[in-house]
Amino acid sequence: MAFLLGGYFQATTSATPSNGVEELERYLCDKAVSLSQSPFLWWKLNMDTYPRLAVLARKLTGVPATSVRSERVFSVAGATVT
């Protein structure tokens, strides 16, 4: 578990200490978020329930899953060559 989560796994972020493995198991057993609900809002509402995972989610949720920037660079390069 420490390999996957690194320092987040070992960090204590709440007043009540909890085992990171138990926290992950509770999260995996929890009901999935609906597609109409914002994941940012869900993590904000559940950060007390999953303190370690909330820190990790805050770090990873904001990563854009797009290739727009690289596509623009290649489009400009292609237009320059032609």
PDB file of N, CA and C in Angstrom:
ATOM      1  N   MET A   1       0.816  -1.188   0.000  1.00  0.00           N
ATOM      2  CA  MET A   1       0.000   0.000   0.000  1.00  0.00           C
ATOM      3  C   MET A   1       0.867   1.261   0.000  1.00  0.00           C
ATOM      4  N   ALA A   2       1.945   1.262   0.770  1.00  0.00           N
ATOM      5  CA  ALA A   2       2.829   2.423   0.806  1.00  0.00           C
ATOM      6  C   ALA A   2       3.463   2.663  -0.559  1.00  0.00           C
ATOM      7  N   PHE A   3       3.671   1.596  -1.330  1.00  0.00           N
ATOM      8  CA  PHE A   3       4.238   1.733  -2.673  1.00  0.00           C
ATOM      9  C   PHE A   3       3.296   2.536  -3.570  1.00  0.00           C
ATOM     10  N   LEU A   4       1.983   2.289  -3.472  1.00  0.00           N
ATOM     11  CA  LEU A   4       1.010   2.978  -4.309  1.00  0.00           C
ATOM     12  C   LEU A   4       0.773   4.419  -3.874  1.00  0.00           C
ATOM     13  N   LEU A   5       0.661   4.631  -2.576  1.00  0.00           N
ATOM     14  CA  LEU A   5       0.278   5.942  -2.073  1.00  0.00           C
ATOM     15  C   LEU A   5       1.448   6.773  -1.555  1.00  0.00           C
ATOM     16  N   GLY A   6       2.608   6.176  -1.395  1.00  0.00           N
ATOM     17  CA  GLY A   6       3.785   6.909  -0.943  1.00  0.00           C
ATOM     18  C   GLY A   6       3.583   7.544   0.419  1.00  0.00           C
ATOM     19  N   GLY A   7       3.958   8.806   0.548  1.00  0.00           N
ATOM     20  CA  GLY A   7       3.842   9.524   1.806  1.00  0.00           C
ATOM     21  C   GLY A   7       2.411   9.730   2.265  1.00  0.00           C
ATOM     22  N   TYR A   8       1.449   9.717   1.327  1.00  0.00           N
ATOM     23  CA  TYR A   8       0.053   9.912   1.699  1.00  0.00           C
ATOM     24  C   TYR A   8      -0.455   8.755   2.544  1.00  0.00           C
ATOM     25  N   PHE A   9       0.091   7.579   2.316  1.00  0.00           N
ATOM     26  CA  PHE A   9      -0.334   6.405   3.066  1.00  0.00           C
ATOM     27  C   PHE A   9       0.072   6.516   4.527  1.00  0.00           C
ATOM     28  N   GLN A  10       1.211   7.101   4.790  1.00  0.00           N
ATOM     29  CA  GLN A  10       1.746   7.162   6.135  1.00  0.00           C
ATOM     30  C   GLN A  10       1.372   8.445   6.858  1.00  0.00           C
ATOM     31  N   ALA A  11       0.850   9.428   6.142  1.00  0.00           N
ATOM     32  CA  ALA A  11       0.510  10.711   6.759  1.00  0.00           C
ATOM     33  C   ALA A  11      -0.740  10.584   7.625  1.00  0.00           C
ATOM     34  N   THR A  12      -0.739  11.277   8.747  1.00  0.00           N
ATOM     35  CA  THR A  12      -1.916  11.330   9.602  1.00  0.00           C
ATOM     36  C   THR A  12      -2.570  12.677   9.379  1.00  0.00           C
ATOM     37  N   THR A  13      -3.781  12.678   8.824  1.00  0.00           N
ATOM     38  CA  THR A  13      -4.447  13.933   8.498  1.00  0.00           C
ATOM     39  C   THR A  13      -5.721  14.144   9.283  1.00  0.00           C
ATOM     40  N   SER A  14      -6.074  13.268  10.207  1.00  0.00           N
ATOM     41  CA  SER A  14      -7.290  13.463  10.983  1.00  0.00           C
ATOM     42  C   SER A  14      -7.000  13.250  12.458  1.00  0.00           C
ATOM     43  N   ALA A  15      -7.911  13.716  13.302  1.00  0.00           N
ATOM     44  CA  ALA A  15      -7.742  13.574  14.745  1.00  0.00           C
ATOM     45  C   ALA A  15      -7.880  12.122  15.181  1.00  0.00           C
ATOM     46  N   THR A  16      -8.685  11.345  14.463  1.00  0.00           N
ATOM     47  CA  THR A  16      -8.857   9.935  14.796  1.00  0.00           C
ATOM     48  C   THR A  16      -8.013   9.116  13.846  1.00  0.00           C
ATOM     49  N   PRO A  17      -6.953   8.480  14.347  1.00  0.00           N
ATOM     50  CA  PRO A  17      -6.083   7.710  13.454  1.00  0.00           C
ATOM     51  C   PRO A  17      -6.821   6.516  12.859  1.00  0.00           C
ATOM     52  N   SER A  18      -6.607   6.275  11.596  1.00  0.00           N
ATOM     53  CA  SER A  18      -7.213   5.121  10.943  1.00  0.00           C
ATOM     54  C   SER A  18      -6.169   4.421  10.104  1.00  0.00           C
ATOM     55  N   ASN A  19      -6.372   3.153   9.913  1.00  0.00           N
ATOM     56  CA  ASN A  19      -5.467   2.355   9.112  1.00  0.00           C
ATOM     57  C   ASN A  19      -5.739   2.664   7.637  1.00  0.00           C
ATOM     58  N   GLY A  20      -4.694   2.919   6.860  1.00  0.00           N
ATOM     59  CA  GLY A  20      -4.868   3.246   5.451  1.00  0.00           C
ATOM     60  C   GLY A  20      -5.504   2.126   4.651  1.00  0.00           C
ATOM     61  N   VAL A  21      -5.205   0.885   5.004  1.00  0.00           N
ATOM     62  CA  VAL A  21      -5.785  -0.258   4.299  1.00  0.00           C
ATOM     63  C   VAL A  21      -7.282  -0.334   4.573  1.00  0.00           C
ATOM     64  N   GLU A  22      -7.668  -0.131   5.836  1.00  0.00           N
ATOM     65  CA  GLU A  22      -9.090  -0.141   6.189  1.00  0.00           C
ATOM     66  C   GLU A  22      -9.826   0.990   5.486  1.00  0.00           C
ATOM     67  N   GLU A  23      -9.188   2.146   5.391  1.00  0.00           N
ATOM     68  CA  GLU A  23      -9.793   3.288   4.709  1.00  0.00           C
ATOM     69  C   GLU A  23     -10.023   2.964   3.233  1.00  0.00           C
ATOM     70  N   LEU A  24      -9.049   2.364   2.596  1.00  0.00           N
ATOM     71  CA  LEU A  24      -9.175   1.987   1.192  1.00  0.00           C
ATOM     72  C   LEU A  24     -10.272   0.934   1.003  1.00  0.00           C
ATOM     73  N   GLU A  25     -10.337  -0.035   1.902  1.00  0.00           N
ATOM     74  CA  GLU A  25     -11.374  -1.070   1.814  1.00  0.00           C
ATOM     75  C   GLU A  25     -12.768  -0.465   1.973  1.00  0.00           C
ATOM     76  N   ARG A  26     -12.923   0.481   2.916  1.00  0.00           N
ATOM     77  CA  ARG A  26     -14.223   1.157   3.087  1.00  0.00           C
ATOM     78  C   ARG A  26     -14.587   1.923   1.826  1.00  0.00           C
ATOM     79  N   TYR A  27     -13.609   2.602   1.232  1.00  0.00           N
ATOM     80  CA  TYR A  27     -13.850   3.368   0.012  1.00  0.00           C
ATOM     81  C   TYR A  27     -14.287   2.451  -1.135  1.00  0.00           C
ATOM     82  N   LEU A  28     -13.617   1.325  -1.287  1.00  0.00           N
ATOM     83  CA  LEU A  28     -13.948   0.394  -2.369  1.00  0.00           C
ATOM     84  C   LEU A  28     -15.321  -0.241  -2.183  1.00  0.00           C
ATOM     85  N   CYS A  29     -15.767  -0.381  -0.942  1.00  0.00           N
ATOM     86  CA  CYS A  29     -17.093  -0.955  -0.664  1.00  0.00           C
ATOM     87  C   CYS A  29     -18.201   0.085  -0.747  1.00  0.00           C
ATOM     88  N   ASP A  30     -17.835   1.359  -0.740  1.00  0.00           N
ATOM     89  CA  ASP A  30     -18.821   2.430  -0.783  1.00  0.00           C
ATOM     90  C   ASP A  30     -19.486   2.483  -2.156  1.00  0.00           C
ATOM     91  N   LYS A  31     -20.690   3.028  -2.187  1.00  0.00           N
ATOM     92  CA  LYS A  31     -21.444   3.160  -3.441  1.00  0.00           C
ATOM     93  C   LYS A  31     -20.733   4.141  -4.378  1.00  0.00           C
ATOM     94  N   ALA A  32     -20.715   3.828  -5.651  1.00  0.00           N
ATOM     95  CA  ALA A  32     -20.050   4.672  -6.643  1.00  0.00           C
ATOM     96  C   ALA A  32     -20.800   5.995  -6.812  1.00  0.00           C
ATOM     97  N   VAL A  33     -20.072   7.026  -7.144  1.00  0.00           N
ATOM     98  CA  VAL A  33     -20.643   8.351  -7.374  1.00  0.00           C
ATOM     99  C   VAL A  33     -21.371   8.346  -8.720  1.00  0.00           C
ATOM    100  N   SER A  34     -22.525   8.981  -8.767  1.00  0.00           N
ATOM    101  CA  SER A  34     -23.260   9.041 -10.036  1.00  0.00           C
ATOM    102  C   SER A  34     -22.520   9.954 -11.016  1.00  0.00           C
ATOM    103  N   LEU A  35     -22.762   9.746 -12.286  1.00  0.00           N
ATOM    104  CA  LEU A  35     -22.080  10.537 -13.311  1.00  0.00           C
ATOM    105  C   LEU A  35     -22.528  11.991 -13.313  1.00  0.00           C
ATOM    106  N   SER A  36     -23.702  12.258 -12.751  1.00  0.00           N
ATOM    107  CA  SER A  36     -24.192  13.633 -12.719  1.00  0.00           C
ATOM    108  C   SER A  36     -23.618  14.434 -11.547  1.00  0.00           C
ATOM    109  N   GLN A  37     -22.980  13.762 -10.598  1.00  0.00           N
ATOM    110  CA  GLN A  37     -22.420  14.437  -9.423  1.00  0.00           C
ATOM    111  C   GLN A  37     -20.961  14.804  -9.667  1.00  0.00           C
ATOM    112  N   SER A  38     -20.563  15.942  -9.147  1.00  0.00           N
ATOM    113  CA  SER A  38     -19.188  16.399  -9.278  1.00  0.00           C
ATOM    114  C   SER A  38     -18.271  15.599  -8.355  1.00  0.00           C
ATOM    115  N   PRO A  39     -17.183  15.041  -8.869  1.00  0.00           N
ATOM    116  CA  PRO A  39     -16.249  14.325  -7.995  1.00  0.00           C
ATOM    117  C   PRO A  39     -15.579  15.259  -7.002  1.00  0.00           C
ATOM    118  N   PHE A  40     -15.392  16.519  -7.350  1.00  0.00           N
ATOM    119  CA  PHE A  40     -14.796  17.479  -6.432  1.00  0.00           C
ATOM    120  C   PHE A  40     -15.699  17.709  -5.224  1.00  0.00           C
ATOM    121  N   LEU A  41     -17.001  17.847  -5.474  1.00  0.00           N
ATOM    122  CA  LEU A  41     -17.960  18.024  -4.390  1.00  0.00           C
ATOM    123  C   LEU A  41     -18.027  16.771  -3.529  1.00  0.00           C
ATOM    124  N   TRP A  42     -18.011  15.590  -4.163  1.00  0.00           N
ATOM    125  CA  TRP A  42     -18.066  14.338  -3.406  1.00  0.00           C
ATOM    126  C   TRP A  42     -16.878  14.224  -2.458  1.00  0.00           C
ATOM    127  N   TRP A  43     -15.678  14.531  -2.938  1.00  0.00           N
ATOM    128  CA  TRP A  43     -14.498  14.446  -2.077  1.00  0.00           C
ATOM    129  C   TRP A  43     -14.551  15.487  -0.972  1.00  0.00           C
ATOM    130  N   LYS A  44     -15.090  16.661  -1.264  1.00  0.00           N
ATOM    131  CA  LYS A  44     -15.212  17.685  -0.227  1.00  0.00           C
ATOM    132  C   LYS A  44     -16.145  17.209   0.889  1.00  0.00           C
ATOM    133  N   LEU A  45     -17.243  16.563   0.515  1.00  0.00           N
ATOM    134  CA  LEU A  45     -18.204  16.071   1.498  1.00  0.00           C
ATOM    135  C   LEU A  45     -17.688  14.855   2.256  1.00  0.00           C
ATOM    136  N   ASN A  46     -16.807  14.066   1.667  1.00  0.00           N
ATOM    137  CA  ASN A  46     -16.339  12.818   2.265  1.00  0.00           C
ATOM    138  C   ASN A  46     -14.887  12.847   2.727  1.00  0.00           C
ATOM    139  N   MET A  47     -14.274  14.029   2.788  1.00  0.00           N
ATOM    140  CA  MET A  47     -12.872  14.064   3.169  1.00  0.00           C
ATOM    141  C   MET A  47     -12.648  13.701   4.641  1.00  0.00           C
ATOM    142  N   ASP A  48     -13.666  13.838   5.476  1.00  0.00           N
ATOM    143  CA  ASP A  48     -13.515  13.398   6.867  1.00  0.00           C
ATOM    144  C   ASP A  48     -13.615  11.878   6.981  1.00  0.00           C
ATOM    145  N   THR A  49     -14.365  11.264   6.084  1.00  0.00           N
ATOM    146  CA  THR A  49     -14.516   9.815   6.088  1.00  0.00           C
ATOM    147  C   THR A  49     -13.272   9.128   5.538  1.00  0.00           C
ATOM    148  N   TYR A  50     -12.673   9.720   4.505  1.00  0.00           N
ATOM    149  CA  TYR A  50     -11.486   9.162   3.852  1.00  0.00           C
ATOM    150  C   TYR A  50     -10.368  10.199   3.824  1.00  0.00           C
ATOM    151  N   PRO A  51      -9.762  10.514   4.977  1.00  0.00           N
ATOM    152  CA  PRO A  51      -8.786  11.614   5.005  1.00  0.00           C
ATOM    153  C   PRO A  51      -7.545  11.384   4.151  1.00  0.00           C
ATOM    154  N   ARG A  52      -6.983  10.189   4.185  1.00  0.00           N
ATOM    155  CA  ARG A  52      -5.773   9.926   3.391  1.00  0.00           C
ATOM    156  C   ARG A  52      -6.087   9.903   1.897  1.00  0.00           C
ATOM    157  N   LEU A  53      -7.160   9.255   1.544  1.00  0.00           N
ATOM    158  CA  LEU A  53      -7.536   9.184   0.130  1.00  0.00           C
ATOM    159  C   LEU A  53      -7.950  10.552  -0.400  1.00  0.00           C
ATOM    160  N   ALA A  54      -8.529  11.391   0.454  1.00  0.00           N
ATOM    161  CA  ALA A  54      -8.923  12.735   0.028  1.00  0.00           C
ATOM    162  C   ALA A  54      -7.697  13.563  -0.345  1.00  0.00           C
ATOM    163  N   VAL A  55      -6.619  13.406   0.418  1.00  0.00           N
ATOM    164  CA  VAL A  55      -5.380  14.125   0.099  1.00  0.00           C
ATOM    165  C   VAL A  55      -4.855  13.655  -1.255  1.00  0.00           C
ATOM    166  N   LEU A  56      -4.873  12.367  -1.469  1.00  0.00           N
ATOM    167  CA  LEU A  56      -4.410  11.813  -2.736  1.00  0.00           C
ATOM    168  C   LEU A  56      -5.325  12.235  -3.888  1.00  0.00           C
ATOM    169  N   ALA A  57      -6.617  12.214  -3.668  1.00  0.00           N
ATOM    170  CA  ALA A  57      -7.575  12.616  -4.704  1.00  0.00           C
ATOM    171  C   ALA A  57      -7.409  14.090  -5.057  1.00  0.00           C
ATOM    172  N   ARG A  58      -7.148  14.910  -4.057  1.00  0.00           N
ATOM    173  CA  ARG A  58      -6.943  16.337  -4.309  1.00  0.00           C
ATOM    174  C   ARG A  58      -5.742  16.544  -5.215  1.00  0.00           C
ATOM    175  N   LYS A  59      -4.743  15.707  -5.034  1.00  0.00           N
ATOM    176  CA  LYS A  59      -3.530  15.806  -5.842  1.00  0.00           C
ATOM    177  C   LYS A  59      -3.759  15.312  -7.276  1.00  0.00           C
ATOM    178  N   LEU A  60      -4.562  14.245  -7.437  1.00  0.00           N
ATOM    179  CA  LEU A  60      -4.704  13.604  -8.739  1.00  0.00           C
ATOM    180  C   LEU A  60      -5.951  13.991  -9.527  1.00  0.00           C
ATOM    181  N   THR A  61      -6.995  14.451  -8.857  1.00  0.00           N
ATOM    182  CA  THR A  61      -8.255  14.723  -9.548  1.00  0.00           C
ATOM    183  C   THR A  61      -8.132  15.902 -10.510  1.00  0.00           C
ATOM    184  N   GLY A  62      -7.289  16.848 -10.214  1.00  0.00           N
ATOM    185  CA  GLY A  62      -7.163  18.019 -11.064  1.00  0.00           C
ATOM    186  C   GLY A  62      -6.324  17.808 -12.313  1.00  0.00           C
ATOM    187  N   VAL A  63      -5.807  16.624 -12.538  1.00  0.00           N
ATOM    188  CA  VAL A  63      -4.980  16.357 -13.709  1.00  0.00           C
ATOM    189  C   VAL A  63      -5.884  16.237 -14.942  1.00  0.00           C
ATOM    190  N   PRO A  64      -5.727  17.109 -15.930  1.00  0.00           N
ATOM    191  CA  PRO A  64      -6.583  17.032 -17.104  1.00  0.00           C
ATOM    192  C   PRO A  64      -6.257  15.818 -17.974  1.00  0.00           C
ATOM    193  N   ALA A  65      -7.282  15.139 -18.406  1.00  0.00           N
ATOM    194  CA  ALA A  65      -7.106  13.970 -19.268  1.00  0.00           C
ATOM    195  C   ALA A  65      -7.365  14.394 -20.707  1.00  0.00           C
ATOM    196  N   THR A  66      -6.435  15.128 -21.276  1.00  0.00           N
ATOM    197  CA  THR A  66      -6.602  15.632 -22.628  1.00  0.00           C
ATOM    198  C   THR A  66      -5.244  15.757 -23.305  1.00  0.00           C
ATOM    199  N   SER A  67      -5.278  15.799 -24.602  1.00  0.00           N
ATOM    200  CA  SER A  67      -4.038  15.979 -25.352  1.00  0.00           C
ATOM    201  C   SER A  67      -4.117  17.225 -26.224  1.00  0.00           C
ATOM    202  N   VAL A  68      -4.943  18.176 -25.840  1.00  0.00           N
ATOM    203  CA  VAL A  68      -5.152  19.366 -26.652  1.00  0.00           C
ATOM    204  C   VAL A  68      -3.860  20.142 -26.853  1.00  0.00           C
ATOM    205  N   ARG A  69      -3.100  20.345 -25.807  1.00  0.00           N
ATOM    206  CA  ARG A  69      -1.869  21.129 -25.937  1.00  0.00           C
ATOM    207  C   ARG A  69      -0.912  20.523 -26.948  1.00  0.00           C
ATOM    208  N   SER A  70      -0.667  19.221 -26.826  1.00  0.00           N
ATOM    209  CA  SER A  70       0.265  18.603 -27.758  1.00  0.00           C
ATOM    210  C   SER A  70      -0.286  18.610 -29.178  1.00  0.00           C
ATOM    211  N   GLU A  71      -1.592  18.462 -29.320  1.00  0.00           N
ATOM    212  CA  GLU A  71      -2.189  18.501 -30.663  1.00  0.00           C
ATOM    213  C   GLU A  71      -2.007  19.878 -31.297  1.00  0.00           C
ATOM    214  N   ARG A  72      -2.125  20.920 -30.519  1.00  0.00           N
ATOM    215  CA  ARG A  72      -1.932  22.274 -31.056  1.00  0.00           C
ATOM    216  C   ARG A  72      -0.488  22.483 -31.507  1.00  0.00           C
ATOM    217  N   VAL A  73       0.456  21.969 -30.748  1.00  0.00           N
ATOM    218  CA  VAL A  73       1.871  22.116 -31.108  1.00  0.00           C
ATOM    219  C   VAL A  73       2.132  21.419 -32.435  1.00  0.00           C
ATOM    220  N   PHE A  74       1.623  20.196 -32.595  1.00  0.00           N
ATOM    221  CA  PHE A  74       1.855  19.467 -33.828  1.00  0.00           C
ATOM    222  C   PHE A  74       1.127  20.115 -35.009  1.00  0.00           C
ATOM    223  N   SER A  75      -0.036  20.708 -34.775  1.00  0.00           N
ATOM    224  CA  SER A  75      -0.749  21.395 -35.844  1.00  0.00           C
ATOM    225  C   SER A  75       0.039  22.599 -36.329  1.00  0.00           C
ATOM    226  N   VAL A  76       0.590  23.363 -35.418  1.00  0.00           N
ATOM    227  CA  VAL A  76       1.386  24.535 -35.769  1.00  0.00           C
ATOM    228  C   VAL A  76       2.648  24.097 -36.514  1.00  0.00           C
ATOM    229  N   ALA A  77       3.284  23.043 -36.030  1.00  0.00           N
ATOM    230  CA  ALA A  77       4.508  22.550 -36.685  1.00  0.00           C
ATOM    231  C   ALA A  77       4.200  22.054 -38.097  1.00  0.00           C
ATOM    232  N   GLY A  78       3.073  21.378 -38.270  1.00  0.00           N
ATOM    233  CA  GLY A  78       2.694  20.886 -39.591  1.00  0.00           C
ATOM    234  C   GLY A  78       2.387  22.034 -40.551  1.00  0.00           C
ATOM    235  N   ALA A  79       1.735  23.074 -40.058  1.00  0.00           N
ATOM    236  CA  ALA A  79       1.413  24.233 -40.891  1.00  0.00           C
ATOM    237  C   ALA A  79       2.681  24.997 -41.276  1.00  0.00           C
ATOM    238  N   THR A  80       3.656  25.013 -40.383  1.00  0.00           N
ATOM    239  CA  THR A  80       4.911  25.714 -40.664  1.00  0.00           C
ATOM    240  C   THR A  80       5.687  24.987 -41.758  1.00  0.00           C
ATOM    241  N   VAL A  81       5.719  23.663 -41.703  1.00  0.00           N
ATOM    242  CA  VAL A  81       6.468  22.883 -42.685  1.00  0.00           C
ATOM    243  C   VAL A  81       5.830  23.017 -44.070  1.00  0.00           C
ATOM    244  N   THR A  82       4.510  22.977 -44.137  1.00  0.00           N
ATOM    245  CA  THR A  82       3.854  23.075 -45.438  1.00  0.00           C
ATOM    246  C   THR A  82       3.802  24.501 -45.882  1.00  0.00           C
TER     247      THR A  82
END
